[in-house]
Amino acid sequence: MHDTVFANQIFSVLKSKFTKDTIGKAISVKVKLSPLSHVTKESLFNAYRELVKESGFEHIRLDIEPLDLKLRCHNCKNDSTVSKVVFKCPHCGSQEIELDFDKEFFVESIDVNS
């Protein structure tokens, strides 16, 4: 279900920036997806492809990259950036950590041919 919501967000961004006549200039959309979102890269890709069928937006390449998470260790006080969910500090191994993330998903950029 989240995959459909995220696919709709991508499509909404594209429709707000382009029309069927000008969308030919857009070649790819880069999105960031949190490992905490419960959405896989494949399910988001499939939901997007299903949503844009016969819309004029089918040719847009979807680049889905992991969203890095910020981790703070309460034991050694180190801050780290991780791209996968971890349950201990990569510096000291403590499980007294806090994951800091404010978004599960966002459109980072749209690449356009000039």
Protein backbone atom coordinates (compact mmCIF):
# COMPACT_ATOMS: atom_id res chain seq x y z
CA MET A 1 0.00 0.00 0.00
CA HIS A 2 2.81 2.46 0.80
CA ASP A 3 4.33 1.67 -2.58
CA THR A 4 1.20 2.99 -4.30
CA VAL A 5 1.23 6.14 -2.16
CA PHE A 6 4.89 6.78 -3.03
CA ALA A 7 4.26 6.06 -6.74
CA ASN A 8 1.42 8.60 -6.67
CA GLN A 9 3.76 11.16 -5.13
CA ILE A 10 6.27 10.64 -7.95
CA PHE A 11 3.55 10.94 -10.57
CA SER A 12 2.14 14.08 -8.91
CA VAL A 13 5.56 15.75 -8.94
CA LEU A 14 5.99 14.91 -12.62
CA LYS A 15 2.51 16.17 -13.53
CA SER A 16 3.15 19.41 -11.65
CA LYS A 17 6.36 20.04 -13.63
CA PHE A 18 5.52 18.67 -17.08
CA THR A 19 2.67 18.19 -19.52
CA LYS A 20 2.31 15.35 -22.00
CA ASP A 21 3.89 17.68 -24.57
CA THR A 22 6.92 18.64 -22.47
CA ILE A 23 7.52 15.37 -20.61
CA GLY A 24 9.73 14.14 -23.46
CA LYS A 25 12.52 16.24 -22.01
CA ALA A 26 12.52 14.45 -18.67
CA ILE A 27 14.62 11.30 -18.73
CA SER A 28 14.83 10.11 -15.12
CA VAL A 29 13.56 10.67 -11.63
CA LYS A 30 15.80 9.97 -8.67
CA VAL A 31 14.02 9.03 -5.46
CA LYS A 32 15.29 8.15 -2.01
CA LEU A 33 13.63 5.30 -0.13
CA SER A 34 14.17 4.64 3.56
CA PRO A 35 14.88 1.07 4.65
CA LEU A 36 12.31 1.75 7.39
CA SER A 37 9.52 2.46 4.89
CA HIS A 38 8.41 -1.18 4.48
CA VAL A 39 8.54 -0.66 0.71
CA THR A 40 10.99 -2.48 -1.51
CA LYS A 41 12.66 -1.00 -4.53
CA GLU A 42 10.89 -3.58 -6.71
CA SER A 43 7.41 -2.92 -5.31
CA LEU A 44 7.81 0.84 -5.79
CA PHE A 45 9.06 0.35 -9.33
CA ASN A 46 6.14 -1.95 -10.18
CA ALA A 47 3.56 0.37 -8.59
CA TYR A 48 4.96 3.33 -10.54
CA ARG A 49 4.98 1.44 -13.85
CA GLU A 50 1.38 0.33 -13.33
CA LEU A 51 0.28 3.86 -12.43
CA VAL A 52 1.81 5.59 -15.46
CA LYS A 53 0.65 3.14 -18.13
CA GLU A 54 -0.56 5.03 -21.20
CA SER A 55 -0.08 8.41 -19.51
CA GLY A 56 2.77 9.73 -21.62
CA PHE A 57 5.12 9.30 -18.64
CA GLU A 58 6.05 5.64 -19.31
CA HIS A 59 9.51 6.40 -20.68
CA ILE A 60 10.76 8.06 -17.48
CA ARG A 61 13.50 6.04 -15.81
CA LEU A 62 13.04 5.60 -12.09
CA ASP A 63 16.29 5.57 -10.09
CA ILE A 64 15.54 4.35 -6.57
CA GLU A 65 18.35 4.77 -4.07
CA PRO A 66 18.46 3.96 -0.36
CA LEU A 67 17.96 6.86 2.00
CA ASP A 68 20.72 7.02 4.56
CA LEU A 69 19.68 6.99 8.21
CA LYS A 70 21.41 8.96 10.92
CA LEU A 71 22.34 6.96 13.97
CA ARG A 72 23.41 8.39 17.32
CA CYS A 73 25.06 6.20 19.94
CA HIS A 74 24.24 7.09 23.53
CA ASN A 75 27.21 5.07 24.77
CA CYS A 76 30.18 6.41 22.74
CA LYS A 77 28.38 9.59 21.51
CA ASN A 78 29.37 8.96 17.89
CA ASP A 79 27.07 9.89 15.02
CA SER A 80 26.99 7.57 12.03
CA THR A 81 25.21 7.35 8.71
CA VAL A 82 23.88 3.95 7.69
CA SER A 83 21.91 2.77 4.66
CA LYS A 84 20.53 -0.36 6.31
CA VAL A 85 18.70 -0.78 9.57
CA VAL A 86 21.15 -1.68 12.32
CA PHE A 87 20.57 -2.42 15.97
CA LYS A 88 23.99 -1.57 17.34
CA CYS A 89 26.59 1.14 17.02
CA PRO A 90 29.11 0.48 14.24
CA HIS A 91 31.81 2.12 16.42
CA CYS A 92 31.43 0.49 19.83
CA GLY A 93 28.79 -2.22 19.33
CA SER A 94 26.42 -0.73 21.91
CA GLN A 95 22.71 -1.26 21.42
CA GLU A 96 21.98 2.10 23.06
CA ILE A 97 21.34 3.84 19.77
CA GLU A 98 18.80 6.19 18.32
CA LEU A 99 17.86 6.27 14.65
CA ASP A 100 17.01 9.70 13.36
CA PHE A 101 14.94 9.93 10.21
CA ASP A 102 12.23 12.33 9.19
CA LYS A 103 11.21 10.96 5.81
CA GLU A 104 10.46 7.54 4.44
CA PHE A 105 10.61 8.67 0.84
CA PHE A 106 11.17 11.73 -1.33
CA VAL A 107 11.86 12.77 -4.92
CA GLU A 108 15.45 13.98 -4.93
CA SER A 109 15.81 15.17 -8.52
CA ILE A 110 14.49 15.03 -12.07
CA ASP A 111 17.05 14.84 -14.86
CA VAL A 112 16.05 16.70 -18.00
CA ASN A 113 17.49 16.83 -21.52
CA SER A 114 18.15 20.38 -22.62
